[in-house]
Amino acid sequence: MGRATLGRVLDHLGIPCADPDAALAFYVTAFAPLGFREAMRFETPAGPVIGVADGPGPPHFWLSPAAPGTSYEAHVAFSAPDRAAVDAVHAAAVAAGYEVLHAPRVFPEYHPGYYGTFLRGPDGNNVEAVHHASG
């Protein structure tokens, strides 16, 4: 099986961000090993709405301006093609100085073969790269 794309792992997801451009920098830096890039941008009076893709296709992950005073923690998990990609996401995040919630490891409490790393996005969101293997 080849590398999964956002469209196969996630149809689309939008999250509110205090600063969509800072959030974009986090996602395209930490998840560069998965091919994340800015694919589309719409300017609005509240700030940019940014579509993120992981290849030549359309965006499936959207960053938008948060309403003032909003507090939340979203969780989003992106599928990685293998454990090496999970490790590469972790290494990219560490190199950029981003907060790591959990270093890459097997999480047998989720299911056998669940291998992931959890990061804290710039808006306090819990963001994960995960690879599912059998056994």
C-alpha atoms as a PDB file:
ATOM      1  CA  MET A   1       0.000   0.000   0.000  1.00  0.00           C
ATOM      2  CA  GLY A   2       1.352   3.455  -0.922  1.00  0.00           C
ATOM      3  CA  ARG A   3       1.494   6.592   1.106  1.00  0.00           C
ATOM      4  CA  ALA A   4      -1.907   7.680   2.360  1.00  0.00           C
ATOM      5  CA  THR A   5      -3.130  11.137   1.402  1.00  0.00           C
ATOM      6  CA  LEU A   6      -5.207  13.471   3.525  1.00  0.00           C
ATOM      7  CA  GLY A   7      -8.193  12.760   1.297  1.00  0.00           C
ATOM      8  CA  ARG A   8      -8.027   9.058   2.103  1.00  0.00           C
ATOM      9  CA  VAL A   9      -7.442   9.508   5.808  1.00  0.00           C
ATOM     10  CA  LEU A  10      -9.558  12.567   6.373  1.00  0.00           C
ATOM     11  CA  ASP A  11     -12.143  14.085   4.081  1.00  0.00           C
ATOM     12  CA  HIS A  12     -11.669  17.532   5.557  1.00  0.00           C
ATOM     13  CA  LEU A  13     -11.340  19.152   8.917  1.00  0.00           C
ATOM     14  CA  GLY A  14     -11.350  22.804   9.854  1.00  0.00           C
ATOM     15  CA  ILE A  15     -10.078  24.207  13.104  1.00  0.00           C
ATOM     16  CA  PRO A  16     -10.222  27.733  14.477  1.00  0.00           C
ATOM     17  CA  CYS A  17      -6.841  29.337  15.196  1.00  0.00           C
ATOM     18  CA  ALA A  18      -5.776  32.485  17.024  1.00  0.00           C
ATOM     19  CA  ASP A  19      -3.281  33.112  14.204  1.00  0.00           C
ATOM     20  CA  PRO A  20      -3.905  31.041  11.063  1.00  0.00           C
ATOM     21  CA  ASP A  21      -0.509  31.977   9.573  1.00  0.00           C
ATOM     22  CA  ALA A  22       1.338  30.808  12.728  1.00  0.00           C
ATOM     23  CA  ALA A  23      -0.722  27.606  12.669  1.00  0.00           C
ATOM     24  CA  LEU A  24       0.155  27.133   8.989  1.00  0.00           C
ATOM     25  CA  ALA A  25       3.869  27.480   9.816  1.00  0.00           C
ATOM     26  CA  PHE A  26       3.498  24.782  12.496  1.00  0.00           C
ATOM     27  CA  TYR A  27       1.695  22.295  10.253  1.00  0.00           C
ATOM     28  CA  VAL A  28       3.859  22.732   7.142  1.00  0.00           C
ATOM     29  CA  THR A  29       7.058  22.552   9.227  1.00  0.00           C
ATOM     30  CA  ALA A  30       6.266  19.718  11.645  1.00  0.00           C
ATOM     31  CA  PHE A  31       4.380  17.670   9.046  1.00  0.00           C
ATOM     32  CA  ALA A  32       6.696  18.366   6.106  1.00  0.00           C
ATOM     33  CA  PRO A  33       7.668  14.663   6.135  1.00  0.00           C
ATOM     34  CA  LEU A  34       4.038  13.937   5.180  1.00  0.00           C
ATOM     35  CA  GLY A  35       4.130  16.498   2.341  1.00  0.00           C
ATOM     36  CA  PHE A  36       1.978  19.225   3.925  1.00  0.00           C
ATOM     37  CA  ARG A  37       1.734  22.496   1.966  1.00  0.00           C
ATOM     38  CA  GLU A  38      -0.510  25.529   1.656  1.00  0.00           C
ATOM     39  CA  ALA A  39      -2.915  24.737  -1.180  1.00  0.00           C
ATOM     40  CA  MET A  40      -5.479  27.510  -1.005  1.00  0.00           C
ATOM     41  CA  ARG A  41      -6.126  30.763   0.832  1.00  0.00           C
ATOM     42  CA  PHE A  42      -9.199  32.937   1.173  1.00  0.00           C
ATOM     43  CA  GLU A  43      -8.878  36.367   2.746  1.00  0.00           C
ATOM     44  CA  THR A  44     -11.776  37.327   5.030  1.00  0.00           C
ATOM     45  CA  PRO A  45     -12.345  40.381   7.231  1.00  0.00           C
ATOM     46  CA  ALA A  46     -11.459  38.235  10.286  1.00  0.00           C
ATOM     47  CA  GLY A  47      -8.244  36.896   8.709  1.00  0.00           C
ATOM     48  CA  PRO A  48      -7.176  34.209   6.258  1.00  0.00           C
ATOM     49  CA  VAL A  49      -8.857  30.847   5.823  1.00  0.00           C
ATOM     50  CA  ILE A  50      -6.084  28.513   4.671  1.00  0.00           C
ATOM     51  CA  GLY A  51      -6.463  25.117   3.006  1.00  0.00           C
ATOM     52  CA  VAL A  52      -3.653  22.602   3.640  1.00  0.00           C
ATOM     53  CA  ALA A  53      -2.963  19.625   1.348  1.00  0.00           C
ATOM     54  CA  ASP A  54      -0.331  16.908   1.348  1.00  0.00           C
ATOM     55  CA  GLY A  55       0.177  16.631  -2.388  1.00  0.00           C
ATOM     56  CA  PRO A  56      -1.091  17.975  -5.666  1.00  0.00           C
ATOM     57  CA  GLY A  57      -4.768  17.421  -4.821  1.00  0.00           C
ATOM     58  CA  PRO A  58      -7.242  19.659  -3.051  1.00  0.00           C
ATOM     59  CA  PRO A  59      -6.942  20.710   0.598  1.00  0.00           C
ATOM     60  CA  HIS A  60      -8.562  18.534   3.256  1.00  0.00           C
ATOM     61  CA  PHE A  61      -7.424  20.461   6.343  1.00  0.00           C
ATOM     62  CA  TRP A  62      -8.500  24.059   6.930  1.00  0.00           C
ATOM     63  CA  LEU A  63      -7.227  26.718   9.332  1.00  0.00           C
ATOM     64  CA  SER A  64      -9.525  29.647  10.040  1.00  0.00           C
ATOM     65  CA  PRO A  65      -9.569  32.659  12.375  1.00  0.00           C
ATOM     66  CA  ALA A  66     -10.996  31.852  15.812  1.00  0.00           C
ATOM     67  CA  ALA A  67     -13.699  33.950  17.369  1.00  0.00           C
ATOM     68  CA  PRO A  68     -12.208  36.283  20.002  1.00  0.00           C
ATOM     69  CA  GLY A  69     -12.183  34.735  23.476  1.00  0.00           C
ATOM     70  CA  THR A  70     -12.671  31.195  22.188  1.00  0.00           C
ATOM     71  CA  SER A  71     -11.050  28.422  24.192  1.00  0.00           C
ATOM     72  CA  TYR A  72     -10.868  24.847  22.975  1.00  0.00           C
ATOM     73  CA  GLU A  73      -8.609  21.896  22.358  1.00  0.00           C
ATOM     74  CA  ALA A  74      -9.168  20.019  19.155  1.00  0.00           C
ATOM     75  CA  HIS A  75      -7.529  16.692  18.383  1.00  0.00           C
ATOM     76  CA  VAL A  76      -6.564  15.730  14.891  1.00  0.00           C
ATOM     77  CA  ALA A  77      -4.606  12.666  13.831  1.00  0.00           C
ATOM     78  CA  PHE A  78      -2.873  12.429  10.477  1.00  0.00           C
ATOM     79  CA  SER A  79      -2.082   9.005   9.052  1.00  0.00           C
ATOM     80  CA  ALA A  80       1.594   8.303   8.397  1.00  0.00           C
ATOM     81  CA  PRO A  81       2.672   5.676   5.863  1.00  0.00           C
ATOM     82  CA  ASP A  82       5.103   4.008   8.291  1.00  0.00           C
ATOM     83  CA  ARG A  83       6.877   4.377  11.636  1.00  0.00           C
ATOM     84  CA  ALA A  84       9.768   6.222   9.999  1.00  0.00           C
ATOM     85  CA  ALA A  85       7.366   8.966   8.911  1.00  0.00           C
ATOM     86  CA  VAL A  86       6.035   9.264  12.490  1.00  0.00           C
ATOM     87  CA  ASP A  87       9.632   9.559  13.708  1.00  0.00           C
ATOM     88  CA  ALA A  88      10.349  12.182  11.024  1.00  0.00           C
ATOM     89  CA  VAL A  89       7.338  14.265  12.133  1.00  0.00           C
ATOM     90  CA  HIS A  90       8.611  14.127  15.714  1.00  0.00           C
ATOM     91  CA  ALA A  91      12.144  15.104  14.622  1.00  0.00           C
ATOM     92  CA  ALA A  92      10.841  18.026  12.519  1.00  0.00           C
ATOM     93  CA  ALA A  93       8.754  19.286  15.446  1.00  0.00           C
ATOM     94  CA  VAL A  94      11.662  19.015  17.903  1.00  0.00           C
ATOM     95  CA  ALA A  95      14.021  20.770  15.468  1.00  0.00           C
ATOM     96  CA  ALA A  96      11.523  23.628  15.144  1.00  0.00           C
ATOM     97  CA  GLY A  97      11.104  23.900  18.930  1.00  0.00           C
ATOM     98  CA  TYR A  98       7.468  22.790  19.018  1.00  0.00           C
ATOM     99  CA  GLU A  99       5.994  21.198  22.134  1.00  0.00           C
ATOM    100  CA  VAL A 100       5.928  17.405  22.144  1.00  0.00           C
ATOM    101  CA  LEU A 101       3.176  15.834  24.234  1.00  0.00           C
ATOM    102  CA  HIS A 102       4.296  12.239  23.588  1.00  0.00           C
ATOM    103  CA  ALA A 103       7.426  11.119  21.758  1.00  0.00           C
ATOM    104  CA  PRO A 104       6.918   8.367  19.176  1.00  0.00           C
ATOM    105  CA  ARG A 105       6.034   5.022  20.696  1.00  0.00           C
ATOM    106  CA  VAL A 106       3.621   2.129  20.502  1.00  0.00           C
ATOM    107  CA  PHE A 107       0.334   2.814  22.305  1.00  0.00           C
ATOM    108  CA  PRO A 108      -0.989  -0.711  22.972  1.00  0.00           C
ATOM    109  CA  GLU A 109      -3.828   0.750  25.025  1.00  0.00           C
ATOM    110  CA  TYR A 110      -5.321   2.000  21.715  1.00  0.00           C
ATOM    111  CA  HIS A 111      -4.668  -1.208  19.768  1.00  0.00           C
ATOM    112  CA  PRO A 112      -1.709  -3.435  18.876  1.00  0.00           C
ATOM    113  CA  GLY A 113       0.486  -1.765  16.279  1.00  0.00           C
ATOM    114  CA  TYR A 114      -0.676   1.793  17.065  1.00  0.00           C
ATOM    115  CA  TYR A 115       2.483   3.918  16.725  1.00  0.00           C
ATOM    116  CA  GLY A 116       2.233   7.658  17.148  1.00  0.00           C
ATOM    117  CA  THR A 117       3.611  10.962  18.303  1.00  0.00           C
ATOM    118  CA  PHE A 118       1.518  13.759  19.809  1.00  0.00           C
ATOM    119  CA  LEU A 119       2.341  17.451  19.482  1.00  0.00           C
ATOM    120  CA  ARG A 120       0.844  20.672  20.819  1.00  0.00           C
ATOM    121  CA  GLY A 121      -0.107  23.060  18.018  1.00  0.00           C
ATOM    122  CA  PRO A 122       0.317  26.820  18.456  1.00  0.00           C
ATOM    123  CA  ASP A 123      -3.356  27.181  19.411  1.00  0.00           C
ATOM    124  CA  GLY A 124      -3.229  24.463  22.080  1.00  0.00           C
ATOM    125  CA  ASN A 125      -4.573  21.695  19.859  1.00  0.00           C
ATOM    126  CA  ASN A 126      -3.471  18.090  20.295  1.00  0.00           C
ATOM    127  CA  VAL A 127      -2.056  17.025  16.925  1.00  0.00           C
ATOM    128  CA  GLU A 128      -0.900  13.506  16.142  1.00  0.00           C
ATOM    129  CA  ALA A 129       0.932  11.560  13.461  1.00  0.00           C
ATOM    130  CA  VAL A 130      -0.008   7.886  13.612  1.00  0.00           C
ATOM    131  CA  HIS A 131       0.825   4.673  11.806  1.00  0.00           C
ATOM    132  CA  HIS A 132      -1.436   1.643  12.207  1.00  0.00           C
ATOM    133  CA  ALA A 133       0.251  -1.717  11.764  1.00  0.00           C
ATOM    134  CA  SER A 134      -1.116  -5.127  12.525  1.00  0.00           C
ATOM    135  CA  GLY A 135       0.382  -6.918  15.468  1.00  0.00           C
END
